[in-house]
Amino acid sequence: MIPISDTRCKCGRVWRVEDGDKWIQRDPGKITCKCGQPIASWSGSREYRAVLVKGLPEDEGLQKPPCTYE
């Protein structure tokens, strides 16, 4: 994965946005932190991933990062 940028949420989490998969079809999408702040959005054929760089104490032991992909 190629890092695109780091984003700090209002909740204090730090996310690294990475270049993800490339698709033939063009689909919009977005990644939203558990606190509700958008991490990344797109409307093309490229999809992105968010990696939690710095979490909160409540994130310890989670199997999945505290974000949603739409």
PDB file of N, CA and C in Angstrom:
ATOM      1  N   MET A   1       0.825  -1.187   0.000  1.00  0.00           N
ATOM      2  CA  MET A   1       0.000   0.000   0.000  1.00  0.00           C
ATOM      3  C   MET A   1       0.873   1.256   0.000  1.00  0.00           C
ATOM      4  N   ILE A   2       0.437   2.239  -0.703  1.00  0.00           N
ATOM      5  CA  ILE A   2       1.157   3.505  -0.772  1.00  0.00           C
ATOM      6  C   ILE A   2       0.435   4.520   0.103  1.00  0.00           C
ATOM      7  N   PRO A   3       1.102   5.056   1.139  1.00  0.00           N
ATOM      8  CA  PRO A   3       0.459   6.069   1.983  1.00  0.00           C
ATOM      9  C   PRO A   3       0.162   7.329   1.182  1.00  0.00           C
ATOM     10  N   ILE A   4      -1.038   7.862   1.348  1.00  0.00           N
ATOM     11  CA  ILE A   4      -1.446   9.085   0.677  1.00  0.00           C
ATOM     12  C   ILE A   4      -1.325  10.264   1.634  1.00  0.00           C
ATOM     13  N   SER A   5      -1.863  10.109   2.828  1.00  0.00           N
ATOM     14  CA  SER A   5      -1.820  11.200   3.806  1.00  0.00           C
ATOM     15  C   SER A   5      -2.153  10.661   5.192  1.00  0.00           C
ATOM     16  N   ASP A   6      -1.849  11.450   6.200  1.00  0.00           N
ATOM     17  CA  ASP A   6      -2.272  11.168   7.571  1.00  0.00           C
ATOM     18  C   ASP A   6      -3.337  12.180   7.947  1.00  0.00           C
ATOM     19  N   THR A   7      -4.364  11.728   8.645  1.00  0.00           N
ATOM     20  CA  THR A   7      -5.479  12.581   9.044  1.00  0.00           C
ATOM     21  C   THR A   7      -5.717  12.434  10.535  1.00  0.00           C
ATOM     22  N   ARG A   8      -5.835  13.554  11.234  1.00  0.00           N
ATOM     23  CA  ARG A   8      -6.149  13.535  12.660  1.00  0.00           C
ATOM     24  C   ARG A   8      -7.628  13.900  12.817  1.00  0.00           C
ATOM     25  N   CYS A   9      -8.375  13.029  13.500  1.00  0.00           N
ATOM     26  CA  CYS A   9      -9.796  13.273  13.748  1.00  0.00           C
ATOM     27  C   CYS A   9      -9.987  14.186  14.956  1.00  0.00           C
ATOM     28  N   LYS A  10     -11.184  14.720  15.055  1.00  0.00           N
ATOM     29  CA  LYS A  10     -11.525  15.564  16.203  1.00  0.00           C
ATOM     30  C   LYS A  10     -11.492  14.763  17.499  1.00  0.00           C
ATOM     31  N   CYS A  11     -11.637  13.428  17.417  1.00  0.00           N
ATOM     32  CA  CYS A  11     -11.621  12.563  18.602  1.00  0.00           C
ATOM     33  C   CYS A  11     -10.202  12.271  19.079  1.00  0.00           C
ATOM     34  N   GLY A  12      -9.195  12.553  18.240  1.00  0.00           N
ATOM     35  CA  GLY A  12      -7.809  12.308  18.607  1.00  0.00           C
ATOM     36  C   GLY A  12      -7.163  11.143  17.881  1.00  0.00           C
ATOM     37  N   ARG A  13      -7.949  10.316  17.187  1.00  0.00           N
ATOM     38  CA  ARG A  13      -7.369   9.213  16.424  1.00  0.00           C
ATOM     39  C   ARG A  13      -6.590   9.785  15.235  1.00  0.00           C
ATOM     40  N   VAL A  14      -5.529   9.082  14.866  1.00  0.00           N
ATOM     41  CA  VAL A  14      -4.761   9.460  13.690  1.00  0.00           C
ATOM     42  C   VAL A  14      -4.851   8.303  12.693  1.00  0.00           C
ATOM     43  N   TRP A  15      -5.235   8.630  11.471  1.00  0.00           N
ATOM     44  CA  TRP A  15      -5.424   7.646  10.411  1.00  0.00           C
ATOM     45  C   TRP A  15      -4.426   7.884   9.291  1.00  0.00           C
ATOM     46  N   ARG A  16      -3.913   6.809   8.716  1.00  0.00           N
ATOM     47  CA  ARG A  16      -3.106   6.902   7.498  1.00  0.00           C
ATOM     48  C   ARG A  16      -3.985   6.405   6.361  1.00  0.00           C
ATOM     49  N   VAL A  17      -4.196   7.246   5.384  1.00  0.00           N
ATOM     50  CA  VAL A  17      -4.978   6.881   4.205  1.00  0.00           C
ATOM     51  C   VAL A  17      -4.019   6.307   3.174  1.00  0.00           C
ATOM     52  N   GLU A  18      -4.321   5.085   2.708  1.00  0.00           N
ATOM     53  CA  GLU A  18      -3.463   4.402   1.748  1.00  0.00           C
ATOM     54  C   GLU A  18      -4.219   4.132   0.465  1.00  0.00           C
ATOM     55  N   ASP A  19      -3.480   4.167  -0.612  1.00  0.00           N
ATOM     56  CA  ASP A  19      -4.010   3.840  -1.928  1.00  0.00           C
ATOM     57  C   ASP A  19      -4.408   2.370  -1.925  1.00  0.00           C
ATOM     58  N   GLY A  20      -5.631   2.085  -2.336  1.00  0.00           N
ATOM     59  CA  GLY A  20      -6.124   0.715  -2.291  1.00  0.00           C
ATOM     60  C   GLY A  20      -6.279   0.104  -3.665  1.00  0.00           C
ATOM     61  N   ASP A  21      -7.376  -0.569  -3.859  1.00  0.00           N
ATOM     62  CA  ASP A  21      -7.630  -1.301  -5.093  1.00  0.00           C
ATOM     63  C   ASP A  21      -8.105  -0.380  -6.205  1.00  0.00           C
ATOM     64  N   LYS A  22      -7.825  -0.799  -7.437  1.00  0.00           N
ATOM     65  CA  LYS A  22      -8.309  -0.077  -8.605  1.00  0.00           C
ATOM     66  C   LYS A  22      -9.351  -0.967  -9.273  1.00  0.00           C
ATOM     67  N   TRP A  23     -10.494  -0.386  -9.589  1.00  0.00           N
ATOM     68  CA  TRP A  23     -11.606  -1.121 -10.168  1.00  0.00           C
ATOM     69  C   TRP A  23     -11.902  -0.597 -11.574  1.00  0.00           C
ATOM     70  N   ILE A  24     -12.565  -1.411 -12.369  1.00  0.00           N
ATOM     71  CA  ILE A  24     -12.969  -0.987 -13.706  1.00  0.00           C
ATOM     72  C   ILE A  24     -14.125   0.007 -13.600  1.00  0.00           C
ATOM     73  N   GLN A  25     -15.123  -0.321 -12.782  1.00  0.00           N
ATOM     74  CA  GLN A  25     -16.280   0.564 -12.625  1.00  0.00           C
ATOM     75  C   GLN A  25     -15.945   1.741 -11.721  1.00  0.00           C
ATOM     76  N   ARG A  26     -16.667   2.811 -11.880  1.00  0.00           N
ATOM     77  CA  ARG A  26     -16.474   4.009 -11.067  1.00  0.00           C
ATOM     78  C   ARG A  26     -17.544   4.015  -9.991  1.00  0.00           C
ATOM     79  N   ASP A  27     -17.122   3.919  -8.761  1.00  0.00           N
ATOM     80  CA  ASP A  27     -18.044   3.872  -7.629  1.00  0.00           C
ATOM     81  C   ASP A  27     -17.657   4.910  -6.595  1.00  0.00           C
ATOM     82  N   PRO A  28     -18.625   5.641  -6.074  1.00  0.00           N
ATOM     83  CA  PRO A  28     -18.304   6.540  -4.967  1.00  0.00           C
ATOM     84  C   PRO A  28     -18.153   5.740  -3.677  1.00  0.00           C
ATOM     85  N   GLY A  29     -17.406   6.269  -2.768  1.00  0.00           N
ATOM     86  CA  GLY A  29     -17.246   5.626  -1.475  1.00  0.00           C
ATOM     87  C   GLY A  29     -16.659   6.595  -0.484  1.00  0.00           C
ATOM     88  N   LYS A  30     -16.679   6.183   0.788  1.00  0.00           N
ATOM     89  CA  LYS A  30     -16.054   7.008   1.818  1.00  0.00           C
ATOM     90  C   LYS A  30     -15.722   6.155   3.028  1.00  0.00           C
ATOM     91  N   ILE A  31     -14.807   6.674   3.826  1.00  0.00           N
ATOM     92  CA  ILE A  31     -14.416   6.048   5.078  1.00  0.00           C
ATOM     93  C   ILE A  31     -14.693   7.070   6.163  1.00  0.00           C
ATOM     94  N   THR A  32     -15.395   6.634   7.224  1.00  0.00           N
ATOM     95  CA  THR A  32     -15.774   7.523   8.310  1.00  0.00           C
ATOM     96  C   THR A  32     -15.291   6.952   9.632  1.00  0.00           C
ATOM     97  N   CYS A  33     -14.658   7.801  10.443  1.00  0.00           N
ATOM     98  CA  CYS A  33     -14.205   7.405  11.773  1.00  0.00           C
ATOM     99  C   CYS A  33     -15.423   7.137  12.662  1.00  0.00           C
ATOM    100  N   LYS A  34     -15.227   6.366  13.696  1.00  0.00           N
ATOM    101  CA  LYS A  34     -16.293   6.073  14.658  1.00  0.00           C
ATOM    102  C   LYS A  34     -16.886   7.354  15.260  1.00  0.00           C
ATOM    103  N   CYS A  35     -16.072   8.426  15.335  1.00  0.00           N
ATOM    104  CA  CYS A  35     -16.547   9.699  15.892  1.00  0.00           C
ATOM    105  C   CYS A  35     -17.426  10.468  14.909  1.00  0.00           C
ATOM    106  N   GLY A  36     -17.511  10.004  13.652  1.00  0.00           N
ATOM    107  CA  GLY A  36     -18.358  10.648  12.659  1.00  0.00           C
ATOM    108  C   GLY A  36     -17.619  11.518  11.652  1.00  0.00           C
ATOM    109  N   GLN A  37     -16.340  11.751  11.866  1.00  0.00           N
ATOM    110  CA  GLN A  37     -15.572  12.595  10.944  1.00  0.00           C
ATOM    111  C   GLN A  37     -15.164  11.785   9.721  1.00  0.00           C
ATOM    112  N   PRO A  38     -15.362  12.332   8.517  1.00  0.00           N
ATOM    113  CA  PRO A  38     -14.897  11.645   7.309  1.00  0.00           C
ATOM    114  C   PRO A  38     -13.376  11.563   7.287  1.00  0.00           C
ATOM    115  N   ILE A  39     -12.855  10.398   6.908  1.00  0.00           N
ATOM    116  CA  ILE A  39     -11.417  10.196   6.802  1.00  0.00           C
ATOM    117  C   ILE A  39     -10.990  10.359   5.349  1.00  0.00           C
ATOM    118  N   ALA A  40     -11.755   9.775   4.429  1.00  0.00           N
ATOM    119  CA  ALA A  40     -11.466   9.869   2.997  1.00  0.00           C
ATOM    120  C   ALA A  40     -12.752   9.633   2.225  1.00  0.00           C
ATOM    121  N   SER A  41     -12.831  10.216   1.035  1.00  0.00           N
ATOM    122  CA  SER A  41     -13.959   9.945   0.144  1.00  0.00           C
ATOM    123  C   SER A  41     -13.458   9.964  -1.294  1.00  0.00           C
ATOM    124  N   TRP A  42     -14.161   9.272  -2.167  1.00  0.00           N
ATOM    125  CA  TRP A  42     -13.761   9.189  -3.565  1.00  0.00           C
ATOM    126  C   TRP A  42     -14.983   8.974  -4.431  1.00  0.00           C
ATOM    127  N   SER A  43     -14.830   9.246  -5.709  1.00  0.00           N
ATOM    128  CA  SER A  43     -15.922   9.007  -6.652  1.00  0.00           C
ATOM    129  C   SER A  43     -15.356   8.520  -7.974  1.00  0.00           C
ATOM    130  N   GLY A  44     -14.322   7.724  -7.888  1.00  0.00           N
ATOM    131  CA  GLY A  44     -13.682   7.224  -9.090  1.00  0.00           C
ATOM    132  C   GLY A  44     -13.481   5.736  -9.043  1.00  0.00           C
ATOM    133  N   SER A  45     -12.539   5.267  -9.825  1.00  0.00           N
ATOM    134  CA  SER A  45     -12.292   3.834  -9.915  1.00  0.00           C
ATOM    135  C   SER A  45     -11.224   3.373  -8.921  1.00  0.00           C
ATOM    136  N   ARG A  46     -10.728   4.264  -8.101  1.00  0.00           N
ATOM    137  CA  ARG A  46      -9.706   3.929  -7.105  1.00  0.00           C
ATOM    138  C   ARG A  46     -10.363   3.886  -5.731  1.00  0.00           C
ATOM    139  N   GLU A  47     -10.023   2.891  -4.940  1.00  0.00           N
ATOM    140  CA  GLU A  47     -10.547   2.756  -3.584  1.00  0.00           C
ATOM    141  C   GLU A  47      -9.399   2.957  -2.607  1.00  0.00           C
ATOM    142  N   TYR A  48      -9.688   3.446  -1.423  1.00  0.00           N
ATOM    143  CA  TYR A  48      -8.661   3.732  -0.434  1.00  0.00           C
ATOM    144  C   TYR A  48      -8.901   2.939   0.846  1.00  0.00           C
ATOM    145  N   ARG A  49      -7.866   2.832   1.661  1.00  0.00           N
ATOM    146  CA  ARG A  49      -7.949   2.151   2.953  1.00  0.00           C
ATOM    147  C   ARG A  49      -7.460   3.094   4.036  1.00  0.00           C
ATOM    148  N   ALA A  50      -8.003   2.924   5.225  1.00  0.00           N
ATOM    149  CA  ALA A  50      -7.561   3.713   6.374  1.00  0.00           C
ATOM    150  C   ALA A  50      -6.921   2.779   7.396  1.00  0.00           C
ATOM    151  N   VAL A  51      -5.727   3.139   7.828  1.00  0.00           N
ATOM    152  CA  VAL A  51      -4.991   2.372   8.831  1.00  0.00           C
ATOM    153  C   VAL A  51      -4.902   3.240  10.077  1.00  0.00           C
ATOM    154  N   LEU A  52      -5.292   2.684  11.208  1.00  0.00           N
ATOM    155  CA  LEU A  52      -5.237   3.424  12.464  1.00  0.00           C
ATOM    156  C   LEU A  52      -3.783   3.519  12.921  1.00  0.00           C
ATOM    157  N   VAL A  53      -3.251   4.741  12.962  1.00  0.00           N
ATOM    158  CA  VAL A  53      -1.866   4.974  13.374  1.00  0.00           C
ATOM    159  C   VAL A  53      -1.800   5.187  14.876  1.00  0.00           C
ATOM    160  N   LYS A  54      -2.728   5.987  15.396  1.00  0.00           N
ATOM    161  CA  LYS A  54      -2.782   6.252  16.832  1.00  0.00           C
ATOM    162  C   LYS A  54      -4.243   6.206  17.252  1.00  0.00           C
ATOM    163  N   GLY A  55      -4.565   5.262  18.113  1.00  0.00           N
ATOM    164  CA  GLY A  55      -5.936   5.101  18.569  1.00  0.00           C
ATOM    165  C   GLY A  55      -6.165   5.684  19.947  1.00  0.00           C
ATOM    166  N   LEU A  56      -7.336   5.418  20.455  1.00  0.00           N
ATOM    167  CA  LEU A  56      -7.724   5.813  21.798  1.00  0.00           C
ATOM    168  C   LEU A  56      -7.660   4.580  22.699  1.00  0.00           C
ATOM    169  N   PRO A  57      -7.645   4.760  24.033  1.00  0.00           N
ATOM    170  CA  PRO A  57      -7.613   3.600  24.937  1.00  0.00           C
ATOM    171  C   PRO A  57      -8.740   2.601  24.659  1.00  0.00           C
ATOM    172  N   GLU A  58      -9.898   3.083  24.264  1.00  0.00           N
ATOM    173  CA  GLU A  58     -11.040   2.192  23.989  1.00  0.00           C
ATOM    174  C   GLU A  58     -10.842   1.342  22.735  1.00  0.00           C
ATOM    175  N   ASP A  59      -9.850   1.670  21.915  1.00  0.00           N
ATOM    176  CA  ASP A  59      -9.581   0.919  20.689  1.00  0.00           C
ATOM    177  C   ASP A  59      -8.703  -0.307  20.931  1.00  0.00           C
ATOM    178  N   GLU A  60      -8.101  -0.424  22.111  1.00  0.00           N
ATOM    179  CA  GLU A  60      -7.217  -1.550  22.423  1.00  0.00           C
ATOM    180  C   GLU A  60      -7.959  -2.875  22.275  1.00  0.00           C
ATOM    181  N   GLY A  61      -7.344  -3.797  21.566  1.00  0.00           N
ATOM    182  CA  GLY A  61      -7.896  -5.137  21.434  1.00  0.00           C
ATOM    183  C   GLY A  61      -8.965  -5.294  20.366  1.00  0.00           C
ATOM    184  N   LEU A  62      -9.300  -4.234  19.638  1.00  0.00           N
ATOM    185  CA  LEU A  62     -10.306  -4.348  18.573  1.00  0.00           C
ATOM    186  C   LEU A  62      -9.743  -5.156  17.418  1.00  0.00           C
ATOM    187  N   GLN A  63     -10.570  -6.004  16.817  1.00  0.00           N
ATOM    188  CA  GLN A  63     -10.158  -6.801  15.675  1.00  0.00           C
ATOM    189  C   GLN A  63     -10.148  -5.968  14.388  1.00  0.00           C
ATOM    190  N   LYS A  64     -11.049  -4.997  14.321  1.00  0.00           N
ATOM    191  CA  LYS A  64     -11.167  -4.129  13.137  1.00  0.00           C
ATOM    192  C   LYS A  64     -10.960  -2.685  13.566  1.00  0.00           C
ATOM    193  N   PRO A  65     -10.456  -1.838  12.673  1.00  0.00           N
ATOM    194  CA  PRO A  65     -10.302  -0.433  13.043  1.00  0.00           C
ATOM    195  C   PRO A  65     -11.676   0.215  13.275  1.00  0.00           C
ATOM    196  N   PRO A  66     -11.734   1.209  14.156  1.00  0.00           N
ATOM    197  CA  PRO A  66     -13.008   1.846  14.486  1.00  0.00           C
ATOM    198  C   PRO A  66     -13.439   2.852  13.407  1.00  0.00           C
ATOM    199  N   CYS A  67     -13.738   2.315  12.227  1.00  0.00           N
ATOM    200  CA  CYS A  67     -14.226   3.146  11.132  1.00  0.00           C
ATOM    201  C   CYS A  67     -15.185   2.327  10.291  1.00  0.00           C
ATOM    202  N   THR A  68     -15.940   3.022   9.434  1.00  0.00           N
ATOM    203  CA  THR A  68     -16.863   2.332   8.535  1.00  0.00           C
ATOM    204  C   THR A  68     -16.523   2.689   7.094  1.00  0.00           C
ATOM    205  N   TYR A  69     -16.721   1.732   6.218  1.00  0.00           N
ATOM    206  CA  TYR A  69     -16.532   1.910   4.776  1.00  0.00           C
ATOM    207  C   TYR A  69     -17.899   1.894   4.127  1.00  0.00           C
ATOM    208  N   GLU A  70     -18.162   2.885   3.317  1.00  0.00           N
ATOM    209  CA  GLU A  70     -19.447   2.941   2.600  1.00  0.00           C
ATOM    210  C   GLU A  70     -19.198   3.040   1.121  1.00  0.00           C
TER     211      GLU A  70
END
